[in-house]
Amino acid sequence: MGEACARAQNTETVPPLISVIVCAHNEEEYVDRCLPKLLKSLRGFSHEIIFVADRCTDRTVEKARKYDVKIIDKKWKKWKNSYAESLQTGYLNARGSYVSIVDIDVIVPSNFFKELAPRIEGNLASVASNIVTYPNTLWNRLIYAWEKTYDLAPLGREPYGAARIMLKRAIDEIHGIRDVPAPDTDIDVRLEKSGYRSVATSAVKVYHIRRVSPKTMVRGQINSGRGRYALGVTLARTAGHAIFRFRPLVICGWLLEWQRSLYETQQPKTR
């Protein structure tokens, strides 16, 4: 009995190898599709899944309780960018040597961690998978076809944060997640400044299962433009990306964020 209790206590105190952060805001329809596949991909690894439920008012938390995950029922919003705040909340609770970000609306394959984790070595601190839209509706099929143009891009596909693994020590060095519209890209930028590398690999394909609509496409392009401005990407480079990638509203997002930033700097500071 004493030995059994000692083993149980040791299991709780020994840090896991991988800490996976899953953020969700009213995502009840995706919980049962994401978490079983994620847990399957973690077989053979000591791990923890930190499920950050951001001000959910649906059955997201109720469904997540069915799985072996640590749930943080986040009721607050203190940052401008709630997704970044949720990631930081998960990061501050992560105990693993590696930190993984897996969005609730993606499905990872069983070899996700087996393929990505061994690639973290030397100054390579972040490896992102190849995320493609699941072609189950008309709009999703259109986006799926459009995503193939990444093969024509001069620099290829940039790392994307919805399904990646990172060296936690490197994230500690850059002081975690910042309050920005595109926190994953911001991580890559700051890692590079600290002497680390981030890459995307086509060896692991991950499906983005969210249903695409004209509304989500517009919002996605505008948010991408906002994120590029926040990261210091110039208007000329943003315009080049928008034209080459057939995403004109990215420019609109950049200009909107520039206008908002200009307005804030012109406001009198209150003591």
C-alpha atoms as a PDB file:
ATOM      1  CA  MET A   1       0.000   0.000   0.000  1.00  0.00           C
ATOM      2  CA  GLY A   2       2.788   2.405   0.962  1.00  0.00           C
ATOM      3  CA  GLU A   3       4.698   1.658  -2.259  1.00  0.00           C
ATOM      4  CA  ALA A   4       1.560   2.217  -4.334  1.00  0.00           C
ATOM      5  CA  CYS A   5       0.960   5.592  -2.678  1.00  0.00           C
ATOM      6  CA  ALA A   6       4.603   6.544  -3.256  1.00  0.00           C
ATOM      7  CA  ARG A   7       4.343   5.670  -6.943  1.00  0.00           C
ATOM      8  CA  ALA A   8       1.148   7.702  -7.308  1.00  0.00           C
ATOM      9  CA  GLN A   9       2.728  10.665  -5.570  1.00  0.00           C
ATOM     10  CA  ASN A  10       5.822  10.391  -7.757  1.00  0.00           C
ATOM     11  CA  THR A  11       3.637  10.415 -10.906  1.00  0.00           C
ATOM     12  CA  GLU A  12       2.078  13.681  -9.797  1.00  0.00           C
ATOM     13  CA  THR A  13       5.380  15.386  -8.925  1.00  0.00           C
ATOM     14  CA  VAL A  14       7.510  14.315 -11.903  1.00  0.00           C
ATOM     15  CA  PRO A  15       7.019  16.879 -14.699  1.00  0.00           C
ATOM     16  CA  PRO A  16       5.624  15.516 -17.980  1.00  0.00           C
ATOM     17  CA  LEU A  17       7.654  15.598 -21.173  1.00  0.00           C
ATOM     18  CA  ILE A  18       5.011  17.430 -23.209  1.00  0.00           C
ATOM     19  CA  SER A  19       2.470  20.044 -22.120  1.00  0.00           C
ATOM     20  CA  VAL A  20      -0.263  20.598 -24.709  1.00  0.00           C
ATOM     21  CA  ILE A  21      -2.261  23.828 -24.570  1.00  0.00           C
ATOM     22  CA  VAL A  22      -5.750  23.677 -26.072  1.00  0.00           C
ATOM     23  CA  CYS A  23      -7.759  26.913 -26.055  1.00  0.00           C
ATOM     24  CA  ALA A  24     -11.498  27.070 -26.649  1.00  0.00           C
ATOM     25  CA  HIS A  25     -14.228  29.686 -26.650  1.00  0.00           C
ATOM     26  CA  ASN A  26     -17.704  28.162 -27.074  1.00  0.00           C
ATOM     27  CA  GLU A  27     -16.388  25.263 -29.158  1.00  0.00           C
ATOM     28  CA  GLU A  28     -18.650  22.427 -27.973  1.00  0.00           C
ATOM     29  CA  GLU A  29     -19.002  20.995 -31.473  1.00  0.00           C
ATOM     30  CA  TYR A  30     -15.247  20.393 -31.794  1.00  0.00           C
ATOM     31  CA  VAL A  31     -14.318  18.992 -28.362  1.00  0.00           C
ATOM     32  CA  ASP A  32     -15.263  15.386 -29.139  1.00  0.00           C
ATOM     33  CA  ARG A  33     -13.516  15.536 -32.491  1.00  0.00           C
ATOM     34  CA  CYS A  34     -10.244  17.100 -31.324  1.00  0.00           C
ATOM     35  CA  LEU A  35      -9.432  15.593 -27.918  1.00  0.00           C
ATOM     36  CA  PRO A  36      -9.699  11.839 -28.720  1.00  0.00           C
ATOM     37  CA  LYS A  37      -7.284  12.213 -31.655  1.00  0.00           C
ATOM     38  CA  LEU A  38      -4.962  14.370 -29.568  1.00  0.00           C
ATOM     39  CA  LEU A  39      -4.871  11.827 -26.736  1.00  0.00           C
ATOM     40  CA  LYS A  40      -4.165   9.041 -29.224  1.00  0.00           C
ATOM     41  CA  SER A  41      -1.210  10.987 -30.647  1.00  0.00           C
ATOM     42  CA  LEU A  42       0.253  11.343 -27.126  1.00  0.00           C
ATOM     43  CA  ARG A  43       0.407   7.613 -26.420  1.00  0.00           C
ATOM     44  CA  GLY A  44       3.910   6.665 -25.310  1.00  0.00           C
ATOM     45  CA  PHE A  45       4.724  10.197 -24.091  1.00  0.00           C
ATOM     46  CA  SER A  46       4.423  11.493 -20.553  1.00  0.00           C
ATOM     47  CA  HIS A  47       2.113  14.425 -21.025  1.00  0.00           C
ATOM     48  CA  GLU A  48      -0.489  16.825 -19.747  1.00  0.00           C
ATOM     49  CA  ILE A  49      -3.245  18.585 -21.682  1.00  0.00           C
ATOM     50  CA  ILE A  50      -4.093  22.045 -20.371  1.00  0.00           C
ATOM     51  CA  PHE A  51      -7.563  22.910 -21.644  1.00  0.00           C
ATOM     52  CA  VAL A  52      -8.206  26.655 -21.340  1.00  0.00           C
ATOM     53  CA  ALA A  53     -11.936  27.363 -21.639  1.00  0.00           C
ATOM     54  CA  ASP A  54     -12.200  31.086 -22.323  1.00  0.00           C
ATOM     55  CA  ARG A  55     -15.481  32.493 -20.961  1.00  0.00           C
ATOM     56  CA  CYS A  56     -17.497  29.621 -22.407  1.00  0.00           C
ATOM     57  CA  THR A  57     -21.276  29.774 -22.140  1.00  0.00           C
ATOM     58  CA  ASP A  58     -22.072  26.542 -23.982  1.00  0.00           C
ATOM     59  CA  ARG A  59     -21.235  22.893 -23.161  1.00  0.00           C
ATOM     60  CA  THR A  60     -17.515  23.154 -23.977  1.00  0.00           C
ATOM     61  CA  VAL A  61     -16.363  22.612 -20.378  1.00  0.00           C
ATOM     62  CA  GLU A  62     -18.929  19.875 -19.747  1.00  0.00           C
ATOM     63  CA  LYS A  63     -17.700  17.917 -22.766  1.00  0.00           C
ATOM     64  CA  ALA A  64     -14.020  18.458 -21.933  1.00  0.00           C
ATOM     65  CA  ARG A  65     -14.533  16.929 -18.467  1.00  0.00           C
ATOM     66  CA  LYS A  66     -14.986  13.518 -20.113  1.00  0.00           C
ATOM     67  CA  TYR A  67     -11.308  13.465 -21.009  1.00  0.00           C
ATOM     68  CA  ASP A  68      -8.020  13.285 -19.131  1.00  0.00           C
ATOM     69  CA  VAL A  69      -7.281  17.013 -19.314  1.00  0.00           C
ATOM     70  CA  LYS A  70      -6.572  19.794 -16.842  1.00  0.00           C
ATOM     71  CA  ILE A  71      -9.361  22.343 -17.304  1.00  0.00           C
ATOM     72  CA  ILE A  72      -8.831  26.023 -16.609  1.00  0.00           C
ATOM     73  CA  ASP A  73     -12.260  27.642 -16.648  1.00  0.00           C
ATOM     74  CA  LYS A  74     -11.140  31.165 -17.538  1.00  0.00           C
ATOM     75  CA  LYS A  75     -13.743  33.774 -16.588  1.00  0.00           C
ATOM     76  CA  TRP A  76     -11.657  36.907 -17.118  1.00  0.00           C
ATOM     77  CA  LYS A  77     -10.421  39.021 -20.031  1.00  0.00           C
ATOM     78  CA  LYS A  78      -7.657  41.471 -19.122  1.00  0.00           C
ATOM     79  CA  TRP A  79      -5.765  41.508 -22.431  1.00  0.00           C
ATOM     80  CA  LYS A  80      -6.919  43.039 -25.703  1.00  0.00           C
ATOM     81  CA  ASN A  81      -6.359  39.729 -27.482  1.00  0.00           C
ATOM     82  CA  SER A  82      -8.198  36.971 -25.650  1.00  0.00           C
ATOM     83  CA  TYR A  83      -6.630  34.091 -27.614  1.00  0.00           C
ATOM     84  CA  ALA A  84      -3.145  35.296 -26.694  1.00  0.00           C
ATOM     85  CA  GLU A  85      -4.267  35.632 -23.072  1.00  0.00           C
ATOM     86  CA  SER A  86      -5.584  32.064 -23.084  1.00  0.00           C
ATOM     87  CA  LEU A  87      -2.294  30.779 -24.511  1.00  0.00           C
ATOM     88  CA  GLN A  88      -0.354  32.644 -21.831  1.00  0.00           C
ATOM     89  CA  THR A  89      -2.656  31.208 -19.160  1.00  0.00           C
ATOM     90  CA  GLY A  90      -1.911  27.716 -20.427  1.00  0.00           C
ATOM     91  CA  TYR A  91       1.811  28.417 -20.735  1.00  0.00           C
ATOM     92  CA  LEU A  92       2.033  29.644 -17.126  1.00  0.00           C
ATOM     93  CA  ASN A  93       0.554  26.310 -15.999  1.00  0.00           C
ATOM     94  CA  ALA A  94       2.714  24.132 -18.273  1.00  0.00           C
ATOM     95  CA  ARG A  95       5.271  21.859 -16.587  1.00  0.00           C
ATOM     96  CA  GLY A  96       6.676  19.974 -19.570  1.00  0.00           C
ATOM     97  CA  SER A  97      10.022  20.262 -21.312  1.00  0.00           C
ATOM     98  CA  TYR A  98       8.093  20.863 -24.512  1.00  0.00           C
ATOM     99  CA  VAL A  99       5.023  23.037 -25.016  1.00  0.00           C
ATOM    100  CA  SER A 100       2.598  22.262 -27.808  1.00  0.00           C
ATOM    101  CA  ILE A 101      -0.208  24.424 -29.158  1.00  0.00           C
ATOM    102  CA  VAL A 102      -3.139  22.511 -30.663  1.00  0.00           C
ATOM    103  CA  ASP A 103      -6.252  24.482 -31.519  1.00  0.00           C
ATOM    104  CA  ILE A 104      -9.587  22.903 -30.676  1.00  0.00           C
ATOM    105  CA  ASP A 105     -10.728  22.983 -34.315  1.00  0.00           C
ATOM    106  CA  VAL A 106      -7.882  20.853 -35.684  1.00  0.00           C
ATOM    107  CA  ILE A 107      -7.429  17.093 -35.835  1.00  0.00           C
ATOM    108  CA  VAL A 108      -3.889  15.783 -35.422  1.00  0.00           C
ATOM    109  CA  PRO A 109      -2.725  12.421 -36.798  1.00  0.00           C
ATOM    110  CA  SER A 110      -1.487   9.624 -34.548  1.00  0.00           C
ATOM    111  CA  ASN A 111       2.151  10.302 -35.528  1.00  0.00           C
ATOM    112  CA  PHE A 112       1.977  14.030 -34.694  1.00  0.00           C
ATOM    113  CA  PHE A 113       4.330  14.021 -31.695  1.00  0.00           C
ATOM    114  CA  LYS A 114       6.416  11.067 -32.868  1.00  0.00           C
ATOM    115  CA  GLU A 115       7.316  13.044 -35.985  1.00  0.00           C
ATOM    116  CA  LEU A 116       7.629  16.560 -34.558  1.00  0.00           C
ATOM    117  CA  ALA A 117       9.241  16.129 -31.128  1.00  0.00           C
ATOM    118  CA  PRO A 118      12.542  14.571 -32.368  1.00  0.00           C
ATOM    119  CA  ARG A 119      13.048  17.540 -34.704  1.00  0.00           C
ATOM    120  CA  ILE A 120      13.564  19.892 -31.764  1.00  0.00           C
ATOM    121  CA  GLU A 121      17.342  19.978 -31.416  1.00  0.00           C
ATOM    122  CA  GLY A 122      20.177  22.461 -31.567  1.00  0.00           C
ATOM    123  CA  ASN A 123      18.811  25.958 -32.143  1.00  0.00           C
ATOM    124  CA  LEU A 124      15.587  24.629 -33.676  1.00  0.00           C
ATOM    125  CA  ALA A 125      13.017  25.552 -31.025  1.00  0.00           C
ATOM    126  CA  SER A 126       9.660  25.342 -32.809  1.00  0.00           C
ATOM    127  CA  VAL A 127       8.232  22.962 -35.403  1.00  0.00           C
ATOM    128  CA  ALA A 128       4.803  23.517 -36.940  1.00  0.00           C
ATOM    129  CA  SER A 129       2.836  20.971 -38.941  1.00  0.00           C
ATOM    130  CA  ASN A 130       1.222  21.345 -42.347  1.00  0.00           C
ATOM    131  CA  ILE A 131      -2.325  22.570 -41.685  1.00  0.00           C
ATOM    132  CA  VAL A 132      -4.889  22.107 -44.439  1.00  0.00           C
ATOM    133  CA  THR A 133      -8.593  22.835 -44.502  1.00  0.00           C
ATOM    134  CA  TYR A 134     -10.775  19.747 -44.336  1.00  0.00           C
ATOM    135  CA  PRO A 135     -12.658  19.716 -47.683  1.00  0.00           C
ATOM    136  CA  ASN A 136     -16.117  18.703 -46.479  1.00  0.00           C
ATOM    137  CA  THR A 137     -18.156  21.709 -47.692  1.00  0.00           C
ATOM    138  CA  LEU A 138     -18.133  23.869 -50.820  1.00  0.00           C
ATOM    139  CA  TRP A 139     -16.315  26.772 -49.187  1.00  0.00           C
ATOM    140  CA  ASN A 140     -13.892  24.430 -47.439  1.00  0.00           C
ATOM    141  CA  ARG A 141     -13.072  22.756 -50.745  1.00  0.00           C
ATOM    142  CA  LEU A 142     -12.371  26.146 -52.317  1.00  0.00           C
ATOM    143  CA  ILE A 143      -9.987  27.057 -49.500  1.00  0.00           C
ATOM    144  CA  TYR A 144      -8.412  23.596 -49.679  1.00  0.00           C
ATOM    145  CA  ALA A 145      -7.684  24.158 -53.384  1.00  0.00           C
ATOM    146  CA  TRP A 146      -6.414  27.704 -52.749  1.00  0.00           C
ATOM    147  CA  GLU A 147      -4.009  26.465 -50.054  1.00  0.00           C
ATOM    148  CA  LYS A 148      -2.147  24.461 -52.678  1.00  0.00           C
ATOM    149  CA  THR A 149      -0.785  27.762 -54.023  1.00  0.00           C
ATOM    150  CA  TYR A 150       1.563  27.765 -51.015  1.00  0.00           C
ATOM    151  CA  ASP A 151       3.708  25.451 -53.140  1.00  0.00           C
ATOM    152  CA  LEU A 152       4.240  28.368 -55.536  1.00  0.00           C
ATOM    153  CA  ALA A 153       5.180  30.903 -52.875  1.00  0.00           C
ATOM    154  CA  PRO A 154       8.871  31.918 -53.035  1.00  0.00           C
ATOM    155  CA  LEU A 155       9.439  31.231 -49.316  1.00  0.00           C
ATOM    156  CA  GLY A 156       6.936  28.399 -49.013  1.00  0.00           C
ATOM    157  CA  ARG A 157       4.550  28.030 -46.110  1.00  0.00           C
ATOM    158  CA  GLU A 158       5.376  30.005 -42.988  1.00  0.00           C
ATOM    159  CA  PRO A 159       5.067  28.323 -39.556  1.00  0.00           C
ATOM    160  CA  TYR A 160       1.486  28.478 -38.303  1.00  0.00           C
ATOM    161  CA  GLY A 161       0.609  28.179 -34.648  1.00  0.00           C
ATOM    162  CA  ALA A 162      -2.530  26.052 -34.569  1.00  0.00           C
ATOM    163  CA  ALA A 163      -0.582  22.759 -34.337  1.00  0.00           C
ATOM    164  CA  ARG A 164       3.051  22.946 -33.283  1.00  0.00           C
ATOM    165  CA  ILE A 165       5.546  21.872 -30.636  1.00  0.00           C
ATOM    166  CA  MET A 166       8.130  24.158 -29.002  1.00  0.00           C
ATOM    167  CA  LEU A 167      11.040  23.933 -26.601  1.00  0.00           C
ATOM    168  CA  LYS A 168       9.738  25.399 -23.349  1.00  0.00           C
ATOM    169  CA  ARG A 169      13.145  26.637 -22.266  1.00  0.00           C
ATOM    170  CA  ALA A 170      13.276  28.812 -25.377  1.00  0.00           C
ATOM    171  CA  ILE A 171       9.779  30.172 -24.713  1.00  0.00           C
ATOM    172  CA  ASP A 172      10.849  30.934 -21.150  1.00  0.00           C
ATOM    173  CA  GLU A 173      13.759  32.958 -22.516  1.00  0.00           C
ATOM    174  CA  ILE A 174      11.423  35.191 -24.543  1.00  0.00           C
ATOM    175  CA  HIS A 175       9.075  35.512 -21.540  1.00  0.00           C
ATOM    176  CA  GLY A 176       6.101  33.583 -22.883  1.00  0.00           C
ATOM    177  CA  ILE A 177       3.195  34.886 -24.932  1.00  0.00           C
ATOM    178  CA  ARG A 178       2.554  38.572 -25.596  1.00  0.00           C
ATOM    179  CA  ASP A 179      -0.728  40.460 -25.996  1.00  0.00           C
ATOM    180  CA  VAL A 180      -0.732  40.632 -29.814  1.00  0.00           C
ATOM    181  CA  PRO A 181      -3.243  39.629 -32.535  1.00  0.00           C
ATOM    182  CA  ALA A 182      -0.979  36.875 -33.938  1.00  0.00           C
ATOM    183  CA  PRO A 183       0.796  35.359 -30.906  1.00  0.00           C
ATOM    184  CA  ASP A 184       2.155  32.330 -32.757  1.00  0.00           C
ATOM    185  CA  THR A 185       3.915  34.427 -35.406  1.00  0.00           C
ATOM    186  CA  ASP A 186       5.107  36.767 -32.674  1.00  0.00           C
ATOM    187  CA  ILE A 187       6.736  33.775 -30.972  1.00  0.00           C
ATOM    188  CA  ASP A 188       8.598  32.924 -34.194  1.00  0.00           C
ATOM    189  CA  VAL A 189       9.832  36.501 -34.590  1.00  0.00           C
ATOM    190  CA  ARG A 190      11.100  36.719 -31.006  1.00  0.00           C
ATOM    191  CA  LEU A 191      12.683  33.268 -31.132  1.00  0.00           C
ATOM    192  CA  GLU A 192      14.633  34.326 -34.216  1.00  0.00           C
ATOM    193  CA  LYS A 193      15.857  37.460 -32.430  1.00  0.00           C
ATOM    194  CA  SER A 194      17.058  35.227 -29.579  1.00  0.00           C
ATOM    195  CA  GLY A 195      19.057  32.990 -31.888  1.00  0.00           C
ATOM    196  CA  TYR A 196      16.522  30.190 -32.374  1.00  0.00           C
ATOM    197  CA  ARG A 197      14.805  28.860 -35.490  1.00  0.00           C
ATOM    198  CA  SER A 198      11.169  28.024 -36.271  1.00  0.00           C
ATOM    199  CA  VAL A 199      10.175  25.809 -39.183  1.00  0.00           C
ATOM    200  CA  ALA A 200       7.095  24.268 -40.749  1.00  0.00           C
ATOM    201  CA  THR A 201       7.195  20.715 -42.056  1.00  0.00           C
ATOM    202  CA  SER A 202       5.052  19.008 -44.677  1.00  0.00           C
ATOM    203  CA  ALA A 203       5.789  15.609 -43.117  1.00  0.00           C
ATOM    204  CA  VAL A 204       2.774  15.882 -40.791  1.00  0.00           C
ATOM    205  CA  LYS A 205      -0.612  16.920 -42.145  1.00  0.00           C
ATOM    206  CA  VAL A 206      -3.193  18.325 -39.742  1.00  0.00           C
ATOM    207  CA  TYR A 207      -6.796  19.042 -40.738  1.00  0.00           C
ATOM    208  CA  HIS A 208      -8.501  22.300 -39.870  1.00  0.00           C
ATOM    209  CA  ILE A 209     -12.118  21.186 -39.475  1.00  0.00           C
ATOM    210  CA  ARG A 210     -13.891  24.507 -38.891  1.00  0.00           C
ATOM    211  CA  ARG A 211     -16.547  25.226 -41.494  1.00  0.00           C
ATOM    212  CA  VAL A 212     -15.467  28.110 -43.706  1.00  0.00           C
ATOM    213  CA  SER A 213     -17.898  30.821 -44.817  1.00  0.00           C
ATOM    214  CA  PRO A 214     -17.503  34.168 -46.606  1.00  0.00           C
ATOM    215  CA  LYS A 215     -17.784  35.850 -43.201  1.00  0.00           C
ATOM    216  CA  THR A 216     -14.961  33.807 -41.647  1.00  0.00           C
ATOM    217  CA  MET A 217     -12.779  34.336 -44.720  1.00  0.00           C
ATOM    218  CA  VAL A 218     -13.205  38.108 -44.505  1.00  0.00           C
ATOM    219  CA  ARG A 219     -12.549  38.104 -40.771  1.00  0.00           C
ATOM    220  CA  GLY A 220      -9.498  35.892 -41.215  1.00  0.00           C
ATOM    221  CA  GLN A 221      -7.899  38.158 -43.792  1.00  0.00           C
ATOM    222  CA  ILE A 222      -8.530  41.295 -41.739  1.00  0.00           C
ATOM    223  CA  ASN A 223      -7.143  39.691 -38.586  1.00  0.00           C
ATOM    224  CA  SER A 224      -4.086  38.566 -40.541  1.00  0.00           C
ATOM    225  CA  GLY A 225      -3.495  42.162 -41.633  1.00  0.00           C
ATOM    226  CA  ARG A 226      -3.889  43.418 -38.063  1.00  0.00           C
ATOM    227  CA  GLY A 227      -1.399  40.843 -36.888  1.00  0.00           C
ATOM    228  CA  ARG A 228       1.129  41.826 -39.532  1.00  0.00           C
ATOM    229  CA  TYR A 229       0.983  45.461 -38.472  1.00  0.00           C
ATOM    230  CA  ALA A 230       1.368  44.535 -34.803  1.00  0.00           C
ATOM    231  CA  LEU A 231       4.449  42.476 -35.676  1.00  0.00           C
ATOM    232  CA  GLY A 232       6.059  45.361 -37.537  1.00  0.00           C
ATOM    233  CA  VAL A 233       5.599  44.012 -41.061  1.00  0.00           C
ATOM    234  CA  THR A 234       5.694  46.904 -43.533  1.00  0.00           C
ATOM    235  CA  LEU A 235       2.752  47.907 -45.703  1.00  0.00           C
ATOM    236  CA  ALA A 236       4.771  47.167 -48.846  1.00  0.00           C
ATOM    237  CA  ARG A 237       5.543  43.621 -47.744  1.00  0.00           C
ATOM    238  CA  THR A 238       1.949  43.126 -46.610  1.00  0.00           C
ATOM    239  CA  ALA A 239       0.674  44.345 -49.965  1.00  0.00           C
ATOM    240  CA  GLY A 240       3.020  41.981 -51.782  1.00  0.00           C
ATOM    241  CA  HIS A 241       1.721  39.072 -49.712  1.00  0.00           C
ATOM    242  CA  ALA A 242      -1.904  40.110 -50.297  1.00  0.00           C
ATOM    243  CA  ILE A 243      -1.502  40.413 -54.058  1.00  0.00           C
ATOM    244  CA  PHE A 244       0.498  37.230 -54.540  1.00  0.00           C
ATOM    245  CA  ARG A 245      -1.777  35.223 -52.259  1.00  0.00           C
ATOM    246  CA  PHE A 246      -5.029  36.758 -53.580  1.00  0.00           C
ATOM    247  CA  ARG A 247      -5.936  38.084 -50.119  1.00  0.00           C
ATOM    248  CA  PRO A 248      -6.731  41.785 -50.661  1.00  0.00           C
ATOM    249  CA  LEU A 249      -8.421  42.306 -47.288  1.00  0.00           C
ATOM    250  CA  VAL A 250      -5.113  41.660 -45.520  1.00  0.00           C
ATOM    251  CA  ILE A 251      -4.157  45.187 -46.619  1.00  0.00           C
ATOM    252  CA  CYS A 252      -7.404  46.511 -45.113  1.00  0.00           C
ATOM    253  CA  GLY A 253      -6.595  44.827 -41.813  1.00  0.00           C
ATOM    254  CA  TRP A 254      -3.107  46.357 -41.776  1.00  0.00           C
ATOM    255  CA  LEU A 255      -4.539  49.836 -42.434  1.00  0.00           C
ATOM    256  CA  LEU A 256      -7.225  49.404 -39.763  1.00  0.00           C
ATOM    257  CA  GLU A 257      -4.641  48.446 -37.155  1.00  0.00           C
ATOM    258  CA  TRP A 258      -2.393  51.319 -38.242  1.00  0.00           C
ATOM    259  CA  GLN A 259      -5.335  53.728 -37.890  1.00  0.00           C
ATOM    260  CA  ARG A 260      -6.225  52.343 -34.453  1.00  0.00           C
ATOM    261  CA  SER A 261      -2.619  52.611 -33.279  1.00  0.00           C
ATOM    262  CA  LEU A 262      -2.375  56.178 -34.590  1.00  0.00           C
ATOM    263  CA  TYR A 263      -5.586  57.136 -32.786  1.00  0.00           C
ATOM    264  CA  GLU A 264      -4.343  55.680 -29.488  1.00  0.00           C
ATOM    265  CA  THR A 265      -1.024  57.536 -29.671  1.00  0.00           C
ATOM    266  CA  GLN A 266      -2.858  60.828 -30.237  1.00  0.00           C
ATOM    267  CA  GLN A 267      -5.037  60.428 -27.177  1.00  0.00           C
ATOM    268  CA  PRO A 268      -3.952  62.370 -24.063  1.00  0.00           C
ATOM    269  CA  LYS A 269      -2.431  60.124 -21.405  1.00  0.00           C
ATOM    270  CA  THR A 270      -4.346  59.977 -18.139  1.00  0.00           C
ATOM    271  CA  ARG A 271      -2.470  60.029 -14.870  1.00  0.00           C
END
